[in-house]
Amino acid sequence: MSIAHGVLLAIERSSPGTFKQVGSFGQTETKTTIVSGQEIKMEITYQSPEKVFQPVSVVYNKETKLIIDWK
């Protein structure tokens, strides 16, 4: 699973918490928190058998599902 796919799944789920997805290429962990009334922040970490990658931070609007910021 890719980071982008993890982001799309988390936006679709749209609930706070920590979720793990395991695929044939590694594991994606998504930590979701509410920033404000409409903004949700996700920290996504991808881990393959060989390496843990730096987390990606995504903020999106929970009503429109549009991404506001991606770092």
PDB file of N, CA and C in Angstrom:
ATOM      1  N   MET A   1       0.840  -1.166   0.000  1.00  0.00           N
ATOM      2  CA  MET A   1       0.000   0.000   0.000  1.00  0.00           C
ATOM      3  C   MET A   1       0.896   1.243   0.000  1.00  0.00           C
ATOM      4  N   SER A   2       0.498   2.248  -0.740  1.00  0.00           N
ATOM      5  CA  SER A   2       1.269   3.483  -0.808  1.00  0.00           C
ATOM      6  C   SER A   2       0.781   4.473   0.247  1.00  0.00           C
ATOM      7  N   ILE A   3       1.592   5.511   0.470  1.00  0.00           N
ATOM      8  CA  ILE A   3       1.196   6.577   1.400  1.00  0.00           C
ATOM      9  C   ILE A   3      -0.080   7.244   0.898  1.00  0.00           C
ATOM     10  N   ALA A   4      -0.162   7.518  -0.399  1.00  0.00           N
ATOM     11  CA  ALA A   4      -1.354   8.168  -0.956  1.00  0.00           C
ATOM     12  C   ALA A   4      -2.597   7.307  -0.724  1.00  0.00           C
ATOM     13  N   HIS A   5      -2.472   6.009  -0.876  1.00  0.00           N
ATOM     14  CA  HIS A   5      -3.608   5.113  -0.637  1.00  0.00           C
ATOM     15  C   HIS A   5      -4.005   5.138   0.833  1.00  0.00           C
ATOM     16  N   GLY A   6      -3.017   5.168   1.735  1.00  0.00           N
ATOM     17  CA  GLY A   6      -3.301   5.276   3.168  1.00  0.00           C
ATOM     18  C   GLY A   6      -4.035   6.559   3.504  1.00  0.00           C
ATOM     19  N   VAL A   7      -3.635   7.653   2.868  1.00  0.00           N
ATOM     20  CA  VAL A   7      -4.306   8.947   3.077  1.00  0.00           C
ATOM     21  C   VAL A   7      -5.757   8.861   2.628  1.00  0.00           C
ATOM     22  N   LEU A   8      -6.000   8.323   1.451  1.00  0.00           N
ATOM     23  CA  LEU A   8      -7.371   8.217   0.944  1.00  0.00           C
ATOM     24  C   LEU A   8      -8.241   7.337   1.835  1.00  0.00           C
ATOM     25  N   LEU A   9      -7.698   6.245   2.327  1.00  0.00           N
ATOM     26  CA  LEU A   9      -8.463   5.381   3.243  1.00  0.00           C
ATOM     27  C   LEU A   9      -8.798   6.112   4.537  1.00  0.00           C
ATOM     28  N   ALA A  10      -7.839   6.858   5.075  1.00  0.00           N
ATOM     29  CA  ALA A  10      -8.067   7.585   6.326  1.00  0.00           C
ATOM     30  C   ALA A  10      -9.082   8.707   6.134  1.00  0.00           C
ATOM     31  N   ILE A  11      -9.027   9.407   5.004  1.00  0.00           N
ATOM     32  CA  ILE A  11     -10.009  10.461   4.729  1.00  0.00           C
ATOM     33  C   ILE A  11     -11.396   9.846   4.627  1.00  0.00           C
ATOM     34  N   GLU A  12     -11.506   8.721   3.970  1.00  0.00           N
ATOM     35  CA  GLU A  12     -12.800   8.047   3.839  1.00  0.00           C
ATOM     36  C   GLU A  12     -13.329   7.605   5.200  1.00  0.00           C
ATOM     37  N   ARG A  13     -12.448   7.120   6.079  1.00  0.00           N
ATOM     38  CA  ARG A  13     -12.835   6.666   7.422  1.00  0.00           C
ATOM     39  C   ARG A  13     -13.228   7.851   8.291  1.00  0.00           C
ATOM     40  N   SER A  14     -12.461   8.941   8.200  1.00  0.00           N
ATOM     41  CA  SER A  14     -12.745  10.219   8.845  1.00  0.00           C
ATOM     42  C   SER A  14     -13.064  10.132  10.334  1.00  0.00           C
ATOM     43  N   SER A  15     -12.313   9.321  11.058  1.00  0.00           N
ATOM     44  CA  SER A  15     -12.511   9.258  12.502  1.00  0.00           C
ATOM     45  C   SER A  15     -11.149   9.292  13.197  1.00  0.00           C
ATOM     46  N   PRO A  16     -11.083   9.937  14.375  1.00  0.00           N
ATOM     47  CA  PRO A  16      -9.803  10.005  15.084  1.00  0.00           C
ATOM     48  C   PRO A  16      -9.366   8.633  15.592  1.00  0.00           C
ATOM     49  N   GLY A  17      -8.061   8.476  15.726  1.00  0.00           N
ATOM     50  CA  GLY A  17      -7.529   7.229  16.257  1.00  0.00           C
ATOM     51  C   GLY A  17      -6.287   6.802  15.503  1.00  0.00           C
ATOM     52  N   THR A  18      -5.786   5.624  15.840  1.00  0.00           N
ATOM     53  CA  THR A  18      -4.613   5.052  15.191  1.00  0.00           C
ATOM     54  C   THR A  18      -5.032   3.777  14.467  1.00  0.00           C
ATOM     55  N   PHE A  19      -4.643   3.687  13.203  1.00  0.00           N
ATOM     56  CA  PHE A  19      -5.029   2.541  12.382  1.00  0.00           C
ATOM     57  C   PHE A  19      -3.805   2.009  11.660  1.00  0.00           C
ATOM     58  N   LYS A  20      -3.718   0.699  11.542  1.00  0.00           N
ATOM     59  CA  LYS A  20      -2.618   0.063  10.825  1.00  0.00           C
ATOM     60  C   LYS A  20      -3.175  -0.748   9.671  1.00  0.00           C
ATOM     61  N   GLN A  21      -2.493  -0.642   8.532  1.00  0.00           N
ATOM     62  CA  GLN A  21      -2.814  -1.432   7.350  1.00  0.00           C
ATOM     63  C   GLN A  21      -1.543  -2.196   6.988  1.00  0.00           C
ATOM     64  N   VAL A  22      -1.651  -3.498   6.808  1.00  0.00           N
ATOM     65  CA  VAL A  22      -0.505  -4.312   6.437  1.00  0.00           C
ATOM     66  C   VAL A  22      -0.732  -4.840   5.027  1.00  0.00           C
ATOM     67  N   GLY A  23       0.276  -4.644   4.191  1.00  0.00           N
ATOM     68  CA  GLY A  23       0.211  -5.128   2.818  1.00  0.00           C
ATOM     69  C   GLY A  23       1.433  -5.956   2.502  1.00  0.00           C
ATOM     70  N   SER A  24       1.529  -6.406   1.280  1.00  0.00           N
ATOM     71  CA  SER A  24       2.643  -7.270   0.886  1.00  0.00           C
ATOM     72  C   SER A  24       3.980  -6.536   0.846  1.00  0.00           C
ATOM     73  N   PHE A  25       3.964  -5.178   0.775  1.00  0.00           N
ATOM     74  CA  PHE A  25       5.212  -4.420   0.728  1.00  0.00           C
ATOM     75  C   PHE A  25       5.586  -3.771   2.056  1.00  0.00           C
ATOM     76  N   GLY A  26       4.695  -3.822   3.052  1.00  0.00           N
ATOM     77  CA  GLY A  26       5.013  -3.221   4.339  1.00  0.00           C
ATOM     78  C   GLY A  26       3.764  -2.813   5.097  1.00  0.00           C
ATOM     79  N   GLN A  27       3.962  -1.952   6.087  1.00  0.00           N
ATOM     80  CA  GLN A  27       2.882  -1.531   6.981  1.00  0.00           C
ATOM     81  C   GLN A  27       2.743  -0.011   6.968  1.00  0.00           C
ATOM     82  N   THR A  28       1.514   0.460   6.932  1.00  0.00           N
ATOM     83  CA  THR A  28       1.226   1.881   7.029  1.00  0.00           C
ATOM     84  C   THR A  28       0.454   2.126   8.320  1.00  0.00           C
ATOM     85  N   GLU A  29       0.939   3.063   9.151  1.00  0.00           N
ATOM     86  CA  GLU A  29       0.245   3.437  10.383  1.00  0.00           C
ATOM     87  C   GLU A  29      -0.237   4.870  10.239  1.00  0.00           C
ATOM     88  N   THR A  30      -1.511   5.095  10.531  1.00  0.00           N
ATOM     89  CA  THR A  30      -2.118   6.417  10.414  1.00  0.00           C
ATOM     90  C   THR A  30      -2.660   6.846  11.770  1.00  0.00           C
ATOM     91  N   LYS A  31      -2.171   7.982  12.272  1.00  0.00           N
ATOM     92  CA  LYS A  31      -2.674   8.570  13.513  1.00  0.00           C
ATOM     93  C   LYS A  31      -3.458   9.816  13.134  1.00  0.00           C
ATOM     94  N   THR A  32      -4.744   9.816  13.462  1.00  0.00           N
ATOM     95  CA  THR A  32      -5.644  10.894  13.060  1.00  0.00           C
ATOM     96  C   THR A  32      -6.133  11.657  14.285  1.00  0.00           C
ATOM     97  N   THR A  33      -6.041  13.007  14.228  1.00  0.00           N
ATOM     98  CA  THR A  33      -6.511  13.863  15.319  1.00  0.00           C
ATOM     99  C   THR A  33      -7.309  15.026  14.737  1.00  0.00           C
ATOM    100  N   ILE A  34      -8.217  15.566  15.537  1.00  0.00           N
ATOM    101  CA  ILE A  34      -9.010  16.728  15.135  1.00  0.00           C
ATOM    102  C   ILE A  34      -8.226  17.983  15.494  1.00  0.00           C
ATOM    103  N   VAL A  35      -7.994  18.852  14.500  1.00  0.00           N
ATOM    104  CA  VAL A  35      -7.262  20.104  14.707  1.00  0.00           C
ATOM    105  C   VAL A  35      -8.230  21.208  15.113  1.00  0.00           C
ATOM    106  N   SER A  36      -9.347  21.298  14.392  1.00  0.00           N
ATOM    107  CA  SER A  36     -10.392  22.279  14.683  1.00  0.00           C
ATOM    108  C   SER A  36     -11.730  21.660  14.285  1.00  0.00           C
ATOM    109  N   GLY A  37     -12.770  22.459  14.258  1.00  0.00           N
ATOM    110  CA  GLY A  37     -14.095  21.940  13.933  1.00  0.00           C
ATOM    111  C   GLY A  37     -14.174  21.209  12.610  1.00  0.00           C
ATOM    112  N   GLN A  38     -13.461  21.685  11.593  1.00  0.00           N
ATOM    113  CA  GLN A  38     -13.530  21.086  10.260  1.00  0.00           C
ATOM    114  C   GLN A  38     -12.225  20.433   9.814  1.00  0.00           C
ATOM    115  N   GLU A  39     -11.116  20.693  10.516  1.00  0.00           N
ATOM    116  CA  GLU A  39      -9.824  20.205  10.056  1.00  0.00           C
ATOM    117  C   GLU A  39      -9.358  18.968  10.828  1.00  0.00           C
ATOM    118  N   ILE A  40      -8.905  17.995  10.076  1.00  0.00           N
ATOM    119  CA  ILE A  40      -8.380  16.750  10.614  1.00  0.00           C
ATOM    120  C   ILE A  40      -6.912  16.648  10.196  1.00  0.00           C
ATOM    121  N   LYS A  41      -6.052  16.228  11.131  1.00  0.00           N
ATOM    122  CA  LYS A  41      -4.633  16.038  10.817  1.00  0.00           C
ATOM    123  C   LYS A  41      -4.294  14.558  10.921  1.00  0.00           C
ATOM    124  N   MET A  42      -3.540  14.081   9.930  1.00  0.00           N
ATOM    125  CA  MET A  42      -3.080  12.700   9.924  1.00  0.00           C
ATOM    126  C   MET A  42      -1.560  12.673   9.883  1.00  0.00           C
ATOM    127  N   GLU A  43      -0.972  11.798  10.655  1.00  0.00           N
ATOM    128  CA  GLU A  43       0.451  11.504  10.588  1.00  0.00           C
ATOM    129  C   GLU A  43       0.543  10.072  10.067  1.00  0.00           C
ATOM    130  N   ILE A  44       1.147   9.904   8.896  1.00  0.00           N
ATOM    131  CA  ILE A  44       1.218   8.595   8.267  1.00  0.00           C
ATOM    132  C   ILE A  44       2.674   8.142   8.221  1.00  0.00           C
ATOM    133  N   THR A  45       2.930   6.946   8.727  1.00  0.00           N
ATOM    134  CA  THR A  45       4.269   6.377   8.698  1.00  0.00           C
ATOM    135  C   THR A  45       4.221   5.065   7.921  1.00  0.00           C
ATOM    136  N   TYR A  46       5.141   4.938   6.970  1.00  0.00           N
ATOM    137  CA  TYR A  46       5.252   3.709   6.190  1.00  0.00           C
ATOM    138  C   TYR A  46       6.496   2.960   6.628  1.00  0.00           C
ATOM    139  N   GLN A  47       6.361   1.662   6.820  1.00  0.00           N
ATOM    140  CA  GLN A  47       7.484   0.822   7.247  1.00  0.00           C
ATOM    141  C   GLN A  47       7.550  -0.407   6.352  1.00  0.00           C
ATOM    142  N   SER A  48       8.697  -0.577   5.695  1.00  0.00           N
ATOM    143  CA  SER A  48       8.929  -1.785   4.906  1.00  0.00           C
ATOM    144  C   SER A  48       9.780  -2.733   5.750  1.00  0.00           C
ATOM    145  N   PRO A  49       9.992  -3.948   5.306  1.00  0.00           N
ATOM    146  CA  PRO A  49      10.842  -4.853   6.089  1.00  0.00           C
ATOM    147  C   PRO A  49      12.263  -4.311   6.304  1.00  0.00           C
ATOM    148  N   GLU A  50      12.738  -3.449   5.397  1.00  0.00           N
ATOM    149  CA  GLU A  50      14.102  -2.937   5.495  1.00  0.00           C
ATOM    150  C   GLU A  50      14.230  -1.566   6.146  1.00  0.00           C
ATOM    151  N   LYS A  51      13.158  -0.767   6.153  1.00  0.00           N
ATOM    152  CA  LYS A  51      13.306   0.635   6.540  1.00  0.00           C
ATOM    153  C   LYS A  51      12.000   1.224   7.067  1.00  0.00           C
ATOM    154  N   VAL A  52      12.132   2.168   8.026  1.00  0.00           N
ATOM    155  CA  VAL A  52      10.995   2.976   8.479  1.00  0.00           C
ATOM    156  C   VAL A  52      11.193   4.369   7.881  1.00  0.00           C
ATOM    157  N   PHE A  53      10.223   4.845   7.121  1.00  0.00           N
ATOM    158  CA  PHE A  53      10.326   6.129   6.442  1.00  0.00           C
ATOM    159  C   PHE A  53       9.828   7.262   7.335  1.00  0.00           C
ATOM    160  N   GLN A  54      10.283   8.474   7.066  1.00  0.00           N
ATOM    161  CA  GLN A  54       9.843   9.652   7.811  1.00  0.00           C
ATOM    162  C   GLN A  54       8.323   9.802   7.659  1.00  0.00           C
ATOM    163  N   PRO A  55       7.630  10.238   8.713  1.00  0.00           N
ATOM    164  CA  PRO A  55       6.173  10.398   8.629  1.00  0.00           C
ATOM    165  C   PRO A  55       5.767  11.498   7.660  1.00  0.00           C
ATOM    166  N   VAL A  56       4.597  11.335   7.106  1.00  0.00           N
ATOM    167  CA  VAL A  56       3.968  12.335   6.248  1.00  0.00           C
ATOM    168  C   VAL A  56       2.829  12.934   7.046  1.00  0.00           C
ATOM    169  N   SER A  57       2.677  14.257   6.972  1.00  0.00           N
ATOM    170  CA  SER A  57       1.598  14.948   7.677  1.00  0.00           C
ATOM    171  C   SER A  57       0.610  15.502   6.657  1.00  0.00           C
ATOM    172  N   VAL A  58      -0.675  15.201   6.855  1.00  0.00           N
ATOM    173  CA  VAL A  58      -1.724  15.664   5.950  1.00  0.00           C
ATOM    174  C   VAL A  58      -2.840  16.288   6.780  1.00  0.00           C
ATOM    175  N   VAL A  59      -3.262  17.498   6.387  1.00  0.00           N
ATOM    176  CA  VAL A  59      -4.408  18.152   7.013  1.00  0.00           C
ATOM    177  C   VAL A  59      -5.480  18.283   5.938  1.00  0.00           C
ATOM    178  N   TYR A  60      -6.721  17.894   6.291  1.00  0.00           N
ATOM    179  CA  TYR A  60      -7.807  17.996   5.315  1.00  0.00           C
ATOM    180  C   TYR A  60      -9.087  18.471   5.986  1.00  0.00           C
ATOM    181  N   ASN A  61     -10.014  18.944   5.177  1.00  0.00           N
ATOM    182  CA  ASN A  61     -11.318  19.403   5.646  1.00  0.00           C
ATOM    183  C   ASN A  61     -12.259  18.201   5.680  1.00  0.00           C
ATOM    184  N   LYS A  62     -12.820  17.905   6.852  1.00  0.00           N
ATOM    185  CA  LYS A  62     -13.647  16.696   6.980  1.00  0.00           C
ATOM    186  C   LYS A  62     -14.978  16.802   6.240  1.00  0.00           C
ATOM    187  N   GLU A  63     -15.456  18.016   5.973  1.00  0.00           N
ATOM    188  CA  GLU A  63     -16.713  18.175   5.242  1.00  0.00           C
ATOM    189  C   GLU A  63     -16.527  18.003   3.736  1.00  0.00           C
ATOM    190  N   THR A  64     -15.532  18.698   3.191  1.00  0.00           N
ATOM    191  CA  THR A  64     -15.309  18.668   1.741  1.00  0.00           C
ATOM    192  C   THR A  64     -14.385  17.544   1.298  1.00  0.00           C
ATOM    193  N   LYS A  65     -13.615  16.969   2.255  1.00  0.00           N
ATOM    194  CA  LYS A  65     -12.621  15.931   1.988  1.00  0.00           C
ATOM    195  C   LYS A  65     -11.445  16.453   1.166  1.00  0.00           C
ATOM    196  N   LEU A  66     -11.283  17.776   1.082  1.00  0.00           N
ATOM    197  CA  LEU A  66     -10.167  18.365   0.350  1.00  0.00           C
ATOM    198  C   LEU A  66      -8.935  18.481   1.227  1.00  0.00           C
ATOM    199  N   ILE A  67      -7.778  18.151   0.664  1.00  0.00           N
ATOM    200  CA  ILE A  67      -6.523  18.254   1.398  1.00  0.00           C
ATOM    201  C   ILE A  67      -6.093  19.712   1.448  1.00  0.00           C
ATOM    202  N   ILE A  68      -5.800  20.211   2.655  1.00  0.00           N
ATOM    203  CA  ILE A  68      -5.389  21.591   2.886  1.00  0.00           C
ATOM    204  C   ILE A  68      -3.874  21.705   2.868  1.00  0.00           C
ATOM    205  N   ASP A  69      -3.189  20.728   3.463  1.00  0.00           N
ATOM    206  CA  ASP A  69      -1.744  20.765   3.574  1.00  0.00           C
ATOM    207  C   ASP A  69      -1.192  19.348   3.548  1.00  0.00           C
ATOM    208  N   TRP A  70      -0.038  19.182   2.907  1.00  0.00           N
ATOM    209  CA  TRP A  70       0.623  17.880   2.799  1.00  0.00           C
ATOM    210  C   TRP A  70       2.119  18.117   2.957  1.00  0.00           C
ATOM    211  N   LYS A  71       2.713  17.551   3.992  1.00  0.00           N
ATOM    212  CA  LYS A  71       4.163  17.746   4.245  1.00  0.00           C
ATOM    213  C   LYS A  71       4.837  16.401   4.405  1.00  0.00           C
TER     214      LYS A  71
END
